[in-house]
Amino acid sequence: MGKAQNKFQSVREWVVDNKLRTVGCLWLSGIAGSIAYNWSQPNMKTSVKLIHARLHAQALTLAALAGAAVVECYDHRTGAKEERVAKFLDLDGNAHKD
């Protein structure tokens, strides 16, 4: 169970560090999945299929943004955000140069 928890924690950290990339990937997969599903519906016009795909992807994106906001609030309350920021600052408060 420790290995699964470690894997989950590493995925969570990547998502926290790459929120916009995660939302973009979810949007792209939502569009692709919805287009694939809608193309299997023979009684719809192409324009309606595209509109439905866009609406599904938009709903998925809003859900992903809401999830990112929840993670941000959780990190703010637990102090995890300060720990992440502290990695990039030295003791004097000056930013490291990479």
C-alpha atoms as a PDB file:
ATOM      1  CA  MET A   1       0.000   0.000   0.000  1.00  0.00           C
ATOM      2  CA  GLY A   2       2.933   2.327   0.642  1.00  0.00           C
ATOM      3  CA  LYS A   3       4.037   2.074  -2.986  1.00  0.00           C
ATOM      4  CA  ALA A   4       0.573   2.990  -4.264  1.00  0.00           C
ATOM      5  CA  GLN A   5       0.435   5.934  -1.842  1.00  0.00           C
ATOM      6  CA  ASN A   6       3.877   7.081  -3.035  1.00  0.00           C
ATOM      7  CA  LYS A   7       2.745   6.853  -6.677  1.00  0.00           C
ATOM      8  CA  PHE A   8      -0.416   8.823  -5.875  1.00  0.00           C
ATOM      9  CA  GLN A   9       1.629  11.458  -4.035  1.00  0.00           C
ATOM     10  CA  SER A  10       4.042  11.875  -6.958  1.00  0.00           C
ATOM     11  CA  VAL A  11       1.133  12.227  -9.431  1.00  0.00           C
ATOM     12  CA  ARG A  12      -0.529  14.746  -7.112  1.00  0.00           C
ATOM     13  CA  GLU A  13       2.677  16.800  -6.867  1.00  0.00           C
ATOM     14  CA  TRP A  14       3.021  16.825 -10.664  1.00  0.00           C
ATOM     15  CA  VAL A  15      -0.590  17.977 -11.060  1.00  0.00           C
ATOM     16  CA  VAL A  16      -0.080  20.731  -8.464  1.00  0.00           C
ATOM     17  CA  ASP A  17       3.061  21.932 -10.239  1.00  0.00           C
ATOM     18  CA  ASN A  18       1.476  21.738 -13.720  1.00  0.00           C
ATOM     19  CA  LYS A  19      -2.128  22.845 -13.207  1.00  0.00           C
ATOM     20  CA  LEU A  20      -2.593  24.564 -16.559  1.00  0.00           C
ATOM     21  CA  ARG A  21      -0.981  21.728 -18.482  1.00  0.00           C
ATOM     22  CA  THR A  22      -3.269  19.279 -16.686  1.00  0.00           C
ATOM     23  CA  VAL A  23      -6.384  21.318 -17.508  1.00  0.00           C
ATOM     24  CA  GLY A  24      -5.253  21.610 -21.147  1.00  0.00           C
ATOM     25  CA  CYS A  25      -4.704  17.856 -21.418  1.00  0.00           C
ATOM     26  CA  LEU A  26      -8.120  17.191 -19.890  1.00  0.00           C
ATOM     27  CA  TRP A  27      -9.711  19.604 -22.367  1.00  0.00           C
ATOM     28  CA  LEU A  28      -7.962  17.950 -25.311  1.00  0.00           C
ATOM     29  CA  SER A  29      -8.919  14.455 -24.183  1.00  0.00           C
ATOM     30  CA  GLY A  30     -12.488  15.632 -23.544  1.00  0.00           C
ATOM     31  CA  ILE A  31     -12.783  17.049 -27.061  1.00  0.00           C
ATOM     32  CA  ALA A  32     -11.265  13.910 -28.611  1.00  0.00           C
ATOM     33  CA  GLY A  33     -13.453  11.544 -26.599  1.00  0.00           C
ATOM     34  CA  SER A  34     -16.608  13.513 -27.233  1.00  0.00           C
ATOM     35  CA  ILE A  35     -15.938  13.757 -30.975  1.00  0.00           C
ATOM     36  CA  ALA A  36     -15.301  10.018 -31.085  1.00  0.00           C
ATOM     37  CA  TYR A  37     -18.543   9.336 -29.228  1.00  0.00           C
ATOM     38  CA  ASN A  38     -20.608  11.799 -31.277  1.00  0.00           C
ATOM     39  CA  TRP A  39     -19.296  10.413 -34.567  1.00  0.00           C
ATOM     40  CA  SER A  40     -20.857   7.079 -33.647  1.00  0.00           C
ATOM     41  CA  GLN A  41     -24.286   8.748 -33.580  1.00  0.00           C
ATOM     42  CA  PRO A  42     -25.575   8.477 -37.169  1.00  0.00           C
ATOM     43  CA  ASN A  43     -28.656  10.713 -36.858  1.00  0.00           C
ATOM     44  CA  MET A  44     -26.815  13.974 -36.030  1.00  0.00           C
ATOM     45  CA  LYS A  45     -25.541  16.694 -38.317  1.00  0.00           C
ATOM     46  CA  THR A  46     -21.802  17.359 -38.261  1.00  0.00           C
ATOM     47  CA  SER A  47     -22.302  20.844 -36.824  1.00  0.00           C
ATOM     48  CA  VAL A  48     -24.344  19.438 -33.921  1.00  0.00           C
ATOM     49  CA  LYS A  49     -21.657  16.807 -33.258  1.00  0.00           C
ATOM     50  CA  LEU A  50     -18.994  19.519 -33.031  1.00  0.00           C
ATOM     51  CA  ILE A  51     -21.148  21.715 -30.805  1.00  0.00           C
ATOM     52  CA  HIS A  52     -21.786  18.798 -28.437  1.00  0.00           C
ATOM     53  CA  ALA A  53     -18.074  17.954 -28.364  1.00  0.00           C
ATOM     54  CA  ARG A  54     -17.230  21.550 -27.463  1.00  0.00           C
ATOM     55  CA  LEU A  55     -19.868  21.652 -24.720  1.00  0.00           C
ATOM     56  CA  HIS A  56     -18.659  18.368 -23.205  1.00  0.00           C
ATOM     57  CA  ALA A  57     -15.048  19.548 -23.250  1.00  0.00           C
ATOM     58  CA  GLN A  58     -16.065  22.882 -21.741  1.00  0.00           C
ATOM     59  CA  ALA A  59     -17.876  21.144 -18.872  1.00  0.00           C
ATOM     60  CA  LEU A  60     -14.853  18.905 -18.269  1.00  0.00           C
ATOM     61  CA  THR A  61     -12.570  21.961 -18.255  1.00  0.00           C
ATOM     62  CA  LEU A  62     -14.763  23.755 -15.718  1.00  0.00           C
ATOM     63  CA  ALA A  63     -14.687  20.659 -13.510  1.00  0.00           C
ATOM     64  CA  ALA A  64     -10.892  20.497 -13.816  1.00  0.00           C
ATOM     65  CA  LEU A  65     -10.558  24.186 -12.915  1.00  0.00           C
ATOM     66  CA  ALA A  66     -12.824  23.662  -9.915  1.00  0.00           C
ATOM     67  CA  GLY A  67     -10.655  20.700  -8.881  1.00  0.00           C
ATOM     68  CA  ALA A  68      -7.507  22.823  -9.242  1.00  0.00           C
ATOM     69  CA  ALA A  69      -9.107  25.495  -7.059  1.00  0.00           C
ATOM     70  CA  VAL A  70      -9.913  22.895  -4.385  1.00  0.00           C
ATOM     71  CA  VAL A  71      -6.313  21.622  -4.450  1.00  0.00           C
ATOM     72  CA  GLU A  72      -5.033  25.208  -4.196  1.00  0.00           C
ATOM     73  CA  CYS A  73      -7.274  25.908  -1.179  1.00  0.00           C
ATOM     74  CA  TYR A  74      -6.192  22.656   0.467  1.00  0.00           C
ATOM     75  CA  ASP A  75      -2.513  23.488  -0.068  1.00  0.00           C
ATOM     76  CA  HIS A  76      -3.066  26.984   1.291  1.00  0.00           C
ATOM     77  CA  ARG A  77      -4.767  25.701   4.448  1.00  0.00           C
ATOM     78  CA  THR A  78      -2.237  22.958   5.145  1.00  0.00           C
ATOM     79  CA  GLY A  79       0.800  25.131   4.440  1.00  0.00           C
ATOM     80  CA  ALA A  80       2.038  22.913   1.605  1.00  0.00           C
ATOM     81  CA  LYS A  81       2.178  25.883  -0.736  1.00  0.00           C
ATOM     82  CA  GLU A  82       4.600  27.754   1.528  1.00  0.00           C
ATOM     83  CA  GLU A  83       6.846  24.685   1.630  1.00  0.00           C
ATOM     84  CA  ARG A  84       6.918  24.523  -2.187  1.00  0.00           C
ATOM     85  CA  VAL A  85       7.695  28.226  -2.462  1.00  0.00           C
ATOM     86  CA  ALA A  86      10.390  27.964   0.222  1.00  0.00           C
ATOM     87  CA  LYS A  87      12.313  25.498  -1.979  1.00  0.00           C
ATOM     88  CA  PHE A  88      12.891  28.315  -4.470  1.00  0.00           C
ATOM     89  CA  LEU A  89      13.920  30.905  -1.885  1.00  0.00           C
ATOM     90  CA  ASP A  90      17.011  30.972   0.269  1.00  0.00           C
ATOM     91  CA  LEU A  91      17.058  32.005   3.938  1.00  0.00           C
ATOM     92  CA  ASP A  92      17.440  35.709   3.117  1.00  0.00           C
ATOM     93  CA  GLY A  93      14.346  35.689   0.937  1.00  0.00           C
ATOM     94  CA  ASN A  94      16.310  36.165  -2.292  1.00  0.00           C
ATOM     95  CA  ALA A  95      15.329  33.999  -5.229  1.00  0.00           C
ATOM     96  CA  HIS A  96      17.855  31.459  -6.492  1.00  0.00           C
ATOM     97  CA  LYS A  97      19.224  31.958  -9.944  1.00  0.00           C
ATOM     98  CA  ASP A  98      19.110  28.863 -12.134  1.00  0.00           C
END
